[in-house]
Amino acid sequence: MDKVAHNISKHRLKITLTVSALVVLGLLIRLYDFIDLGAIVTFVEDLGFMGIFVYGLIYFILSLVGISTAVLTVFAGTLFGVVLGMGVAITAATASATVAFYVARYAKKRLRTRFGGRNTNQGIVHRIESTADTSGFSTIALMRLSFLPYIPVSYGAGLVDSLRFHHFFWATFLKNIFGAFVFVFLGASFREGLPFFLAAVALVIVYMLLSKRIKRKNRNAR
């Protein structure tokens, strides 16, 4: 296994462990009610727009520097509910991806060394370049749905001149809607009854299995 593939596997393992931990935490909250979610939600609501803005800003910064925001996505649902939580998560995640894309466009030389290793077919830039001319949208969409590292894909996409921004943007935005709904729904279920929580867990499992299937199908097609 080469270095890039190894890093991707580690990233996917971190996501799986994070989601598993959140599911367990949610189950404990539902069964034992040892965290006063009502008080936390009330505190955030009392902050009004400032609370939403600060949460979104923290989400944006952490995402931009490559730190997983899975926990923040889940708890956006807990704090703000499904609709507003999705709005915060989608806006912050899409904004960070867009900034990373354009940073890469204006800092190609340095970033290409990091994300575009040509010594392996698994290099992110190489994988995008190989299909960007004919299927840029589907290439980015498949990479997003395969749980490849979020920000490295964004930087890597910015290094590919033949990839059009609107292909990158819409593939990222639509995947963010899908992903945000799954994890925000899980977070919102912490405040609801056990049946609601179990439905959210089932949705997360389906999402993870779908991602795994897409990854396998994409790998076999190459």
C-alpha atoms as a PDB file:
ATOM      1  CA  MET A   1       0.000   0.000   0.000  1.00  0.00           C
ATOM      2  CA  ASP A   2       1.520   3.331  -1.010  1.00  0.00           C
ATOM      3  CA  LYS A   3       1.685   6.406   1.182  1.00  0.00           C
ATOM      4  CA  VAL A   4      -1.354   8.199  -0.294  1.00  0.00           C
ATOM      5  CA  ALA A   5      -3.549   5.109  -0.103  1.00  0.00           C
ATOM      6  CA  HIS A   6      -2.347   4.535   3.459  1.00  0.00           C
ATOM      7  CA  ASN A   7      -3.241   8.110   4.453  1.00  0.00           C
ATOM      8  CA  ILE A   8      -6.681   7.761   2.866  1.00  0.00           C
ATOM      9  CA  SER A   9      -7.278   4.526   4.780  1.00  0.00           C
ATOM     10  CA  LYS A  10      -6.261   6.225   8.033  1.00  0.00           C
ATOM     11  CA  HIS A  11      -8.580   9.140   7.279  1.00  0.00           C
ATOM     12  CA  ARG A  12     -11.510   6.801   6.591  1.00  0.00           C
ATOM     13  CA  LEU A  13     -10.783   4.881   9.794  1.00  0.00           C
ATOM     14  CA  LYS A  14     -10.829   8.120  11.782  1.00  0.00           C
ATOM     15  CA  ILE A  15     -14.224   9.014  10.315  1.00  0.00           C
ATOM     16  CA  THR A  16     -15.614   5.570  11.094  1.00  0.00           C
ATOM     17  CA  LEU A  17     -14.348   5.688  14.676  1.00  0.00           C
ATOM     18  CA  THR A  18     -15.665   9.238  15.147  1.00  0.00           C
ATOM     19  CA  VAL A  19     -19.120   8.357  13.868  1.00  0.00           C
ATOM     20  CA  SER A  20     -19.168   5.189  15.984  1.00  0.00           C
ATOM     21  CA  ALA A  21     -18.228   7.189  19.076  1.00  0.00           C
ATOM     22  CA  LEU A  22     -20.980   9.704  18.353  1.00  0.00           C
ATOM     23  CA  VAL A  23     -23.544   6.955  17.924  1.00  0.00           C
ATOM     24  CA  VAL A  24     -22.511   5.424  21.250  1.00  0.00           C
ATOM     25  CA  LEU A  25     -22.629   8.863  22.905  1.00  0.00           C
ATOM     26  CA  GLY A  26     -26.087   9.492  21.512  1.00  0.00           C
ATOM     27  CA  LEU A  27     -27.282   6.115  22.775  1.00  0.00           C
ATOM     28  CA  LEU A  28     -25.909   6.848  26.235  1.00  0.00           C
ATOM     29  CA  ILE A  29     -27.610  10.234  26.235  1.00  0.00           C
ATOM     30  CA  ARG A  30     -30.930   8.662  25.276  1.00  0.00           C
ATOM     31  CA  LEU A  31     -30.653   5.815  27.780  1.00  0.00           C
ATOM     32  CA  TYR A  32     -29.177   7.601  30.768  1.00  0.00           C
ATOM     33  CA  ASP A  33     -29.848  11.272  30.099  1.00  0.00           C
ATOM     34  CA  PHE A  34     -26.586  12.207  31.837  1.00  0.00           C
ATOM     35  CA  ILE A  35     -26.087  15.358  29.738  1.00  0.00           C
ATOM     36  CA  ASP A  36     -28.542  18.220  30.052  1.00  0.00           C
ATOM     37  CA  LEU A  37     -28.924  18.920  26.336  1.00  0.00           C
ATOM     38  CA  GLY A  38     -31.810  21.256  27.023  1.00  0.00           C
ATOM     39  CA  ALA A  39     -29.602  23.622  29.018  1.00  0.00           C
ATOM     40  CA  ILE A  40     -26.886  23.570  26.341  1.00  0.00           C
ATOM     41  CA  VAL A  41     -29.379  24.241  23.558  1.00  0.00           C
ATOM     42  CA  THR A  42     -30.977  27.065  25.538  1.00  0.00           C
ATOM     43  CA  PHE A  43     -27.572  28.664  26.113  1.00  0.00           C
ATOM     44  CA  VAL A  44     -26.751  28.588  22.391  1.00  0.00           C
ATOM     45  CA  GLU A  45     -30.214  29.872  21.464  1.00  0.00           C
ATOM     46  CA  ASP A  46     -29.776  32.791  23.870  1.00  0.00           C
ATOM     47  CA  LEU A  47     -26.683  33.820  21.908  1.00  0.00           C
ATOM     48  CA  GLY A  48     -28.884  34.312  18.855  1.00  0.00           C
ATOM     49  CA  PHE A  49     -27.222  35.030  15.535  1.00  0.00           C
ATOM     50  CA  MET A  50     -23.820  35.451  17.191  1.00  0.00           C
ATOM     51  CA  GLY A  51     -23.901  31.850  18.384  1.00  0.00           C
ATOM     52  CA  ILE A  52     -24.690  30.626  14.865  1.00  0.00           C
ATOM     53  CA  PHE A  53     -21.980  32.827  13.343  1.00  0.00           C
ATOM     54  CA  VAL A  54     -19.278  31.755  15.804  1.00  0.00           C
ATOM     55  CA  TYR A  55     -20.155  28.089  15.370  1.00  0.00           C
ATOM     56  CA  GLY A  56     -20.035  28.419  11.600  1.00  0.00           C
ATOM     57  CA  LEU A  57     -16.740  30.317  11.749  1.00  0.00           C
ATOM     58  CA  ILE A  58     -15.117  27.648  13.925  1.00  0.00           C
ATOM     59  CA  TYR A  59     -16.430  24.999  11.543  1.00  0.00           C
ATOM     60  CA  PHE A  60     -15.019  26.891   8.544  1.00  0.00           C
ATOM     61  CA  ILE A  61     -11.557  27.351  10.077  1.00  0.00           C
ATOM     62  CA  LEU A  62     -11.200  23.756  11.257  1.00  0.00           C
ATOM     63  CA  SER A  63     -12.346  22.442   7.882  1.00  0.00           C
ATOM     64  CA  LEU A  64      -9.987  24.745   5.993  1.00  0.00           C
ATOM     65  CA  VAL A  65      -6.936  23.519   7.892  1.00  0.00           C
ATOM     66  CA  GLY A  66      -7.886  19.891   7.328  1.00  0.00           C
ATOM     67  CA  ILE A  67      -9.322  18.960  10.722  1.00  0.00           C
ATOM     68  CA  SER A  68     -12.336  16.635  10.608  1.00  0.00           C
ATOM     69  CA  THR A  69     -15.597  18.476  11.248  1.00  0.00           C
ATOM     70  CA  ALA A  70     -17.745  15.353  11.642  1.00  0.00           C
ATOM     71  CA  VAL A  71     -18.341  16.115  15.324  1.00  0.00           C
ATOM     72  CA  LEU A  72     -19.334  19.711  14.557  1.00  0.00           C
ATOM     73  CA  THR A  73     -21.706  18.533  11.847  1.00  0.00           C
ATOM     74  CA  VAL A  74     -23.453  16.163  14.232  1.00  0.00           C
ATOM     75  CA  PHE A  75     -23.743  18.699  17.025  1.00  0.00           C
ATOM     76  CA  ALA A  76     -24.996  21.356  14.630  1.00  0.00           C
ATOM     77  CA  GLY A  77     -28.108  19.187  14.495  1.00  0.00           C
ATOM     78  CA  THR A  78     -28.212  18.922  18.274  1.00  0.00           C
ATOM     79  CA  LEU A  79     -27.852  22.669  18.818  1.00  0.00           C
ATOM     80  CA  PHE A  80     -29.755  24.129  15.881  1.00  0.00           C
ATOM     81  CA  GLY A  81     -32.082  21.412  14.635  1.00  0.00           C
ATOM     82  CA  VAL A  82     -32.102  19.776  11.213  1.00  0.00           C
ATOM     83  CA  VAL A  83     -32.856  22.763   8.961  1.00  0.00           C
ATOM     84  CA  LEU A  84     -30.646  25.412  10.567  1.00  0.00           C
ATOM     85  CA  GLY A  85     -27.972  22.853  11.431  1.00  0.00           C
ATOM     86  CA  MET A  86     -27.777  21.794   7.793  1.00  0.00           C
ATOM     87  CA  GLY A  87     -27.562  25.432   6.751  1.00  0.00           C
ATOM     88  CA  VAL A  88     -24.607  26.081   9.053  1.00  0.00           C
ATOM     89  CA  ALA A  89     -22.746  22.898   8.120  1.00  0.00           C
ATOM     90  CA  ILE A  90     -23.312  23.162   4.369  1.00  0.00           C
ATOM     91  CA  THR A  91     -22.386  26.845   4.226  1.00  0.00           C
ATOM     92  CA  ALA A  92     -19.201  26.465   6.281  1.00  0.00           C
ATOM     93  CA  ALA A  93     -18.040  23.268   4.545  1.00  0.00           C
ATOM     94  CA  THR A  94     -18.705  24.595   1.037  1.00  0.00           C
ATOM     95  CA  ALA A  95     -17.028  27.904   1.862  1.00  0.00           C
ATOM     96  CA  SER A  96     -13.895  26.178   3.162  1.00  0.00           C
ATOM     97  CA  ALA A  97     -13.720  23.963   0.058  1.00  0.00           C
ATOM     98  CA  THR A  98     -14.103  26.997  -2.209  1.00  0.00           C
ATOM     99  CA  VAL A  99     -11.370  28.936  -0.418  1.00  0.00           C
ATOM    100  CA  ALA A 100      -9.053  25.911  -0.573  1.00  0.00           C
ATOM    101  CA  PHE A 101      -9.739  25.555  -4.306  1.00  0.00           C
ATOM    102  CA  TYR A 102      -8.779  29.154  -5.056  1.00  0.00           C
ATOM    103  CA  VAL A 103      -5.805  29.142  -2.698  1.00  0.00           C
ATOM    104  CA  ALA A 104      -4.492  26.200  -4.701  1.00  0.00           C
ATOM    105  CA  ARG A 105      -5.043  28.064  -7.967  1.00  0.00           C
ATOM    106  CA  TYR A 106      -2.814  30.884  -6.733  1.00  0.00           C
ATOM    107  CA  ALA A 107      -0.201  28.776  -4.947  1.00  0.00           C
ATOM    108  CA  LYS A 108       0.252  25.919  -7.381  1.00  0.00           C
ATOM    109  CA  LYS A 109       3.963  25.301  -7.151  1.00  0.00           C
ATOM    110  CA  ARG A 110       4.107  24.677  -3.418  1.00  0.00           C
ATOM    111  CA  LEU A 111       0.849  22.751  -3.160  1.00  0.00           C
ATOM    112  CA  ARG A 112       1.485  20.520  -6.174  1.00  0.00           C
ATOM    113  CA  THR A 113       4.475  19.032  -4.365  1.00  0.00           C
ATOM    114  CA  ARG A 114       2.261  18.057  -1.452  1.00  0.00           C
ATOM    115  CA  PHE A 115      -0.920  16.881  -3.165  1.00  0.00           C
ATOM    116  CA  GLY A 116       0.180  15.958  -6.660  1.00  0.00           C
ATOM    117  CA  GLY A 117       2.792  13.286  -6.224  1.00  0.00           C
ATOM    118  CA  ARG A 118       3.363  11.758  -9.658  1.00  0.00           C
ATOM    119  CA  ASN A 119       5.210   8.770  -8.242  1.00  0.00           C
ATOM    120  CA  THR A 120       1.908   7.026  -7.663  1.00  0.00           C
ATOM    121  CA  ASN A 121      -1.365   6.660  -9.524  1.00  0.00           C
ATOM    122  CA  GLN A 122      -3.103   7.373  -6.242  1.00  0.00           C
ATOM    123  CA  GLY A 123      -1.974  11.008  -6.171  1.00  0.00           C
ATOM    124  CA  ILE A 124      -5.040  13.195  -5.742  1.00  0.00           C
ATOM    125  CA  VAL A 125      -4.093  15.638  -8.486  1.00  0.00           C
ATOM    126  CA  HIS A 126      -3.269  12.853 -10.904  1.00  0.00           C
ATOM    127  CA  ARG A 127      -6.618  11.191 -10.280  1.00  0.00           C
ATOM    128  CA  ILE A 128      -8.499  14.409 -10.994  1.00  0.00           C
ATOM    129  CA  GLU A 129      -6.398  15.312 -14.038  1.00  0.00           C
ATOM    130  CA  SER A 130      -7.032  11.959 -15.681  1.00  0.00           C
ATOM    131  CA  THR A 131     -10.764  12.648 -16.064  1.00  0.00           C
ATOM    132  CA  ALA A 132     -11.271  16.385 -15.487  1.00  0.00           C
ATOM    133  CA  ASP A 133     -11.595  17.193 -19.196  1.00  0.00           C
ATOM    134  CA  THR A 134     -14.487  14.848 -19.814  1.00  0.00           C
ATOM    135  CA  SER A 135     -16.148  14.259 -16.446  1.00  0.00           C
ATOM    136  CA  GLY A 136     -14.995  16.809 -13.907  1.00  0.00           C
ATOM    137  CA  PHE A 137     -18.284  16.883 -12.010  1.00  0.00           C
ATOM    138  CA  SER A 138     -18.593  13.113 -11.645  1.00  0.00           C
ATOM    139  CA  THR A 139     -14.918  12.780 -10.715  1.00  0.00           C
ATOM    140  CA  ILE A 140     -15.227  15.196  -7.801  1.00  0.00           C
ATOM    141  CA  ALA A 141     -18.607  13.761  -6.794  1.00  0.00           C
ATOM    142  CA  LEU A 142     -17.189  10.223  -6.637  1.00  0.00           C
ATOM    143  CA  MET A 143     -14.182  11.389  -4.650  1.00  0.00           C
ATOM    144  CA  ARG A 144     -16.452  13.182  -2.197  1.00  0.00           C
ATOM    145  CA  LEU A 145     -18.782  10.210  -1.822  1.00  0.00           C
ATOM    146  CA  SER A 146     -15.803   7.891  -1.348  1.00  0.00           C
ATOM    147  CA  PHE A 147     -14.832   9.768   1.833  1.00  0.00           C
ATOM    148  CA  LEU A 148     -11.478  10.879   0.494  1.00  0.00           C
ATOM    149  CA  PRO A 149      -9.925  13.589   2.709  1.00  0.00           C
ATOM    150  CA  TYR A 150     -12.147  16.637   2.235  1.00  0.00           C
ATOM    151  CA  ILE A 151      -9.693  19.529   2.105  1.00  0.00           C
ATOM    152  CA  PRO A 152      -6.839  17.725   0.291  1.00  0.00           C
ATOM    153  CA  VAL A 153      -9.338  16.973  -2.496  1.00  0.00           C
ATOM    154  CA  SER A 154     -10.286  20.663  -2.562  1.00  0.00           C
ATOM    155  CA  TYR A 155      -6.679  21.809  -2.772  1.00  0.00           C
ATOM    156  CA  GLY A 156      -5.895  19.095  -5.307  1.00  0.00           C
ATOM    157  CA  ALA A 157      -8.828  20.138  -7.484  1.00  0.00           C
ATOM    158  CA  GLY A 158      -7.580  23.714  -7.513  1.00  0.00           C
ATOM    159  CA  LEU A 159      -4.278  22.539  -8.960  1.00  0.00           C
ATOM    160  CA  VAL A 160      -5.942  21.055 -12.030  1.00  0.00           C
ATOM    161  CA  ASP A 161      -6.341  23.793 -14.649  1.00  0.00           C
ATOM    162  CA  SER A 162      -8.665  21.698 -16.799  1.00  0.00           C
ATOM    163  CA  LEU A 163     -11.171  21.284 -13.956  1.00  0.00           C
ATOM    164  CA  ARG A 164     -13.865  23.941 -14.125  1.00  0.00           C
ATOM    165  CA  PHE A 165     -14.824  25.585 -10.863  1.00  0.00           C
ATOM    166  CA  HIS A 166     -18.561  25.106 -11.354  1.00  0.00           C
ATOM    167  CA  HIS A 167     -18.034  21.342 -11.712  1.00  0.00           C
ATOM    168  CA  PHE A 168     -16.053  21.322  -8.481  1.00  0.00           C
ATOM    169  CA  PHE A 169     -18.510  23.593  -6.673  1.00  0.00           C
ATOM    170  CA  TRP A 170     -21.715  21.763  -7.547  1.00  0.00           C
ATOM    171  CA  ALA A 171     -20.260  18.313  -6.913  1.00  0.00           C
ATOM    172  CA  THR A 172     -19.034  19.510  -3.514  1.00  0.00           C
ATOM    173  CA  PHE A 173     -22.207  21.409  -2.646  1.00  0.00           C
ATOM    174  CA  LEU A 174     -24.571  18.555  -3.523  1.00  0.00           C
ATOM    175  CA  LYS A 175     -22.480  16.038  -1.617  1.00  0.00           C
ATOM    176  CA  ASN A 176     -22.426  18.399   1.357  1.00  0.00           C
ATOM    177  CA  ILE A 177     -26.222  18.507   1.336  1.00  0.00           C
ATOM    178  CA  PHE A 178     -26.387  14.733   1.398  1.00  0.00           C
ATOM    179  CA  GLY A 179     -23.685  14.292   4.025  1.00  0.00           C
ATOM    180  CA  ALA A 180     -24.906  17.145   6.216  1.00  0.00           C
ATOM    181  CA  PHE A 181     -28.430  15.759   6.306  1.00  0.00           C
ATOM    182  CA  VAL A 182     -27.224  12.346   7.488  1.00  0.00           C
ATOM    183  CA  PHE A 183     -25.030  13.628  10.303  1.00  0.00           C
ATOM    184  CA  VAL A 184     -27.133  16.631  11.298  1.00  0.00           C
ATOM    185  CA  PHE A 185     -30.123  14.292  11.502  1.00  0.00           C
ATOM    186  CA  LEU A 186     -28.090  12.084  13.834  1.00  0.00           C
ATOM    187  CA  GLY A 187     -27.292  15.075  16.034  1.00  0.00           C
ATOM    188  CA  ALA A 188     -30.901  16.230  16.090  1.00  0.00           C
ATOM    189  CA  SER A 189     -31.966  12.745  17.171  1.00  0.00           C
ATOM    190  CA  PHE A 190     -30.082  13.192  20.457  1.00  0.00           C
ATOM    191  CA  ARG A 191     -32.923  15.483  21.503  1.00  0.00           C
ATOM    192  CA  GLU A 192     -35.706  13.162  20.402  1.00  0.00           C
ATOM    193  CA  GLY A 193     -37.033   9.758  21.352  1.00  0.00           C
ATOM    194  CA  LEU A 194     -35.211   6.454  20.934  1.00  0.00           C
ATOM    195  CA  PRO A 195     -37.070   5.480  17.713  1.00  0.00           C
ATOM    196  CA  PHE A 196     -35.921   8.744  16.109  1.00  0.00           C
ATOM    197  CA  PHE A 197     -32.354   8.053  17.227  1.00  0.00           C
ATOM    198  CA  LEU A 198     -32.396   4.478  15.901  1.00  0.00           C
ATOM    199  CA  ALA A 199     -33.678   5.738  12.550  1.00  0.00           C
ATOM    200  CA  ALA A 200     -30.785   8.217  12.439  1.00  0.00           C
ATOM    201  CA  VAL A 201     -28.266   5.472  13.228  1.00  0.00           C
ATOM    202  CA  ALA A 202     -29.730   3.314  10.448  1.00  0.00           C
ATOM    203  CA  LEU A 203     -29.368   6.252   8.038  1.00  0.00           C
ATOM    204  CA  VAL A 204     -25.699   6.688   8.994  1.00  0.00           C
ATOM    205  CA  ILE A 205     -25.058   2.977   8.417  1.00  0.00           C
ATOM    206  CA  VAL A 206     -26.705   3.119   4.992  1.00  0.00           C
ATOM    207  CA  TYR A 207     -24.637   6.191   4.126  1.00  0.00           C
ATOM    208  CA  MET A 208     -21.389   4.511   5.134  1.00  0.00           C
ATOM    209  CA  LEU A 209     -22.231   1.330   3.214  1.00  0.00           C
ATOM    210  CA  LEU A 210     -23.174   3.357   0.146  1.00  0.00           C
ATOM    211  CA  SER A 211     -19.885   5.237   0.332  1.00  0.00           C
ATOM    212  CA  LYS A 212     -17.975   1.965   0.608  1.00  0.00           C
ATOM    213  CA  ARG A 213     -19.820   0.529  -2.390  1.00  0.00           C
ATOM    214  CA  ILE A 214     -19.123   3.639  -4.486  1.00  0.00           C
ATOM    215  CA  LYS A 215     -15.451   3.523  -3.529  1.00  0.00           C
ATOM    216  CA  ARG A 216     -15.174  -0.144  -4.515  1.00  0.00           C
ATOM    217  CA  LYS A 217     -17.006   0.393  -7.806  1.00  0.00           C
ATOM    218  CA  ASN A 218     -14.856   3.414  -8.622  1.00  0.00           C
ATOM    219  CA  ARG A 219     -11.665   1.499  -7.868  1.00  0.00           C
ATOM    220  CA  ASN A 220     -12.723  -1.438 -10.050  1.00  0.00           C
ATOM    221  CA  ALA A 221     -13.547   0.937 -12.919  1.00  0.00           C
ATOM    222  CA  ARG A 222     -10.017   2.366 -13.013  1.00  0.00           C
END
